[in-house]
Amino acid sequence: MPLEEIGWLRRGACRSSDPDLFFPLAPSPQQEARAKAVCASCQVLEECRAYALRAGEPDGIWGGLTPQERRRSRFPAGWRDSAAS
């Protein structure tokens, strides 16, 4: 990660949380809800989310989004249809 990306990490609400909350071996709806609750109060939520989308982070909760939610955000429904036209 480039040095200019690190600054916001130090201000993240997750910095004092157990990393397993955000990167569980077996995600569950309850675990995701707990991680998202931490994200909801975070002052760098937008920076975190933008980084994860830009970097294509494949795992974990970043910016309050699961990997599936990030994929949907990057590739909204119907994106292939418009490319095929």
C-alpha atoms as a PDB file:
ATOM      1  CA  MET A   1       0.000   0.000   0.000  1.00  0.00           C
ATOM      2  CA  PRO A   2       1.488   3.393  -0.960  1.00  0.00           C
ATOM      3  CA  LEU A   3       2.448   5.699   1.908  1.00  0.00           C
ATOM      4  CA  GLU A   4      -0.206   8.272   0.964  1.00  0.00           C
ATOM      5  CA  GLU A   5      -2.861   5.600   1.557  1.00  0.00           C
ATOM      6  CA  ILE A   6      -1.741   4.861   5.126  1.00  0.00           C
ATOM      7  CA  GLY A   7      -2.720   8.153   6.793  1.00  0.00           C
ATOM      8  CA  TRP A   8      -6.441   7.428   6.980  1.00  0.00           C
ATOM      9  CA  LEU A   9      -5.783   3.934   8.355  1.00  0.00           C
ATOM     10  CA  ARG A  10      -4.468   5.408  11.595  1.00  0.00           C
ATOM     11  CA  ARG A  11      -7.757   7.252  12.104  1.00  0.00           C
ATOM     12  CA  GLY A  12     -10.004   4.266  11.422  1.00  0.00           C
ATOM     13  CA  ALA A  13     -12.500   3.139  14.035  1.00  0.00           C
ATOM     14  CA  CYS A  14     -11.285  -0.417  13.426  1.00  0.00           C
ATOM     15  CA  ARG A  15      -7.683   0.285  14.515  1.00  0.00           C
ATOM     16  CA  SER A  16      -8.358  -1.005  18.037  1.00  0.00           C
ATOM     17  CA  SER A  17     -10.611  -3.888  16.963  1.00  0.00           C
ATOM     18  CA  ASP A  18      -9.689  -7.518  16.474  1.00  0.00           C
ATOM     19  CA  PRO A  19      -8.805  -7.987  12.769  1.00  0.00           C
ATOM     20  CA  ASP A  20     -10.760 -11.269  12.808  1.00  0.00           C
ATOM     21  CA  LEU A  21     -13.922  -9.171  13.080  1.00  0.00           C
ATOM     22  CA  PHE A  22     -13.219  -7.720   9.629  1.00  0.00           C
ATOM     23  CA  PHE A  23     -11.460 -10.750   8.120  1.00  0.00           C
ATOM     24  CA  PRO A  24     -13.205 -13.822   9.574  1.00  0.00           C
ATOM     25  CA  LEU A  25     -12.441 -17.339   8.409  1.00  0.00           C
ATOM     26  CA  ALA A  26     -16.169 -18.114   8.286  1.00  0.00           C
ATOM     27  CA  PRO A  27     -18.254 -14.933   7.858  1.00  0.00           C
ATOM     28  CA  SER A  28     -21.729 -14.888   9.361  1.00  0.00           C
ATOM     29  CA  PRO A  29     -24.502 -12.296   9.222  1.00  0.00           C
ATOM     30  CA  GLN A  30     -23.922 -11.515  12.927  1.00  0.00           C
ATOM     31  CA  GLN A  31     -20.185 -10.987  12.425  1.00  0.00           C
ATOM     32  CA  GLU A  32     -20.808  -8.770   9.389  1.00  0.00           C
ATOM     33  CA  ALA A  33     -23.313  -6.698  11.370  1.00  0.00           C
ATOM     34  CA  ARG A  34     -20.799  -6.200  14.198  1.00  0.00           C
ATOM     35  CA  ALA A  35     -18.054  -5.144  11.773  1.00  0.00           C
ATOM     36  CA  LYS A  36     -20.417  -2.791   9.942  1.00  0.00           C
ATOM     37  CA  ALA A  37     -21.451  -1.229  13.270  1.00  0.00           C
ATOM     38  CA  VAL A  38     -17.800  -0.295  13.867  1.00  0.00           C
ATOM     39  CA  CYS A  39     -17.600   1.115  10.337  1.00  0.00           C
ATOM     40  CA  ALA A  40     -20.785   3.148  10.806  1.00  0.00           C
ATOM     41  CA  SER A  41     -19.118   5.281  13.470  1.00  0.00           C
ATOM     42  CA  CYS A  42     -15.858   5.682  11.561  1.00  0.00           C
ATOM     43  CA  GLN A  43     -14.550   9.097  10.553  1.00  0.00           C
ATOM     44  CA  VAL A  44     -12.689   7.652   7.535  1.00  0.00           C
ATOM     45  CA  LEU A  45     -15.470   5.434   6.177  1.00  0.00           C
ATOM     46  CA  GLU A  46     -15.447   7.101   2.742  1.00  0.00           C
ATOM     47  CA  GLU A  47     -11.645   6.900   2.383  1.00  0.00           C
ATOM     48  CA  CYS A  48     -11.683   3.249   3.413  1.00  0.00           C
ATOM     49  CA  ARG A  49     -14.484   2.384   0.999  1.00  0.00           C
ATOM     50  CA  ALA A  50     -12.854   4.287  -1.865  1.00  0.00           C
ATOM     51  CA  TYR A  51      -9.538   2.530  -1.243  1.00  0.00           C
ATOM     52  CA  ALA A  52     -11.173  -0.930  -1.191  1.00  0.00           C
ATOM     53  CA  LEU A  53     -13.055  -0.265  -4.419  1.00  0.00           C
ATOM     54  CA  ARG A  54     -10.008   1.227  -6.146  1.00  0.00           C
ATOM     55  CA  ALA A  55      -7.691  -1.570  -4.984  1.00  0.00           C
ATOM     56  CA  GLY A  56     -10.199  -4.330  -5.670  1.00  0.00           C
ATOM     57  CA  GLU A  57      -9.855  -5.730  -2.154  1.00  0.00           C
ATOM     58  CA  PRO A  58     -11.178  -9.296  -2.449  1.00  0.00           C
ATOM     59  CA  ASP A  59     -11.643 -10.051   1.249  1.00  0.00           C
ATOM     60  CA  GLY A  60     -12.914  -8.529   4.461  1.00  0.00           C
ATOM     61  CA  ILE A  61     -15.191  -5.691   5.461  1.00  0.00           C
ATOM     62  CA  TRP A  62     -13.825  -2.385   4.138  1.00  0.00           C
ATOM     63  CA  GLY A  63     -15.716   0.887   4.398  1.00  0.00           C
ATOM     64  CA  GLY A  64     -18.752  -0.938   5.729  1.00  0.00           C
ATOM     65  CA  LEU A  65     -19.019  -3.173   2.647  1.00  0.00           C
ATOM     66  CA  THR A  66     -18.604  -6.928   2.278  1.00  0.00           C
ATOM     67  CA  PRO A  67     -16.725  -8.352  -0.716  1.00  0.00           C
ATOM     68  CA  GLN A  68     -20.060  -9.086  -2.432  1.00  0.00           C
ATOM     69  CA  GLU A  69     -21.303  -5.528  -1.828  1.00  0.00           C
ATOM     70  CA  ARG A  70     -18.065  -4.105  -3.225  1.00  0.00           C
ATOM     71  CA  ARG A  71     -18.383  -6.267  -6.333  1.00  0.00           C
ATOM     72  CA  ARG A  72     -21.963  -5.067  -6.860  1.00  0.00           C
ATOM     73  CA  SER A  73     -20.783  -1.483  -6.423  1.00  0.00           C
ATOM     74  CA  ARG A  74     -17.995  -1.897  -8.966  1.00  0.00           C
ATOM     75  CA  PHE A  75     -20.094  -3.947 -11.387  1.00  0.00           C
ATOM     76  CA  PRO A  76     -23.753  -2.904 -11.080  1.00  0.00           C
ATOM     77  CA  ALA A  77     -26.540  -5.083 -12.455  1.00  0.00           C
ATOM     78  CA  GLY A  78     -26.664  -4.965 -16.231  1.00  0.00           C
ATOM     79  CA  TRP A  79     -23.106  -3.713 -16.742  1.00  0.00           C
ATOM     80  CA  ARG A  80     -22.345  -6.591 -19.131  1.00  0.00           C
ATOM     81  CA  ASP A  81     -25.486  -5.904 -21.164  1.00  0.00           C
ATOM     82  CA  SER A  82     -24.427  -2.338 -21.967  1.00  0.00           C
ATOM     83  CA  ALA A  83     -20.917  -3.490 -22.940  1.00  0.00           C
ATOM     84  CA  ALA A  84     -22.306  -6.062 -25.365  1.00  0.00           C
ATOM     85  CA  SER A  85     -24.435  -3.498 -27.253  1.00  0.00           C
END
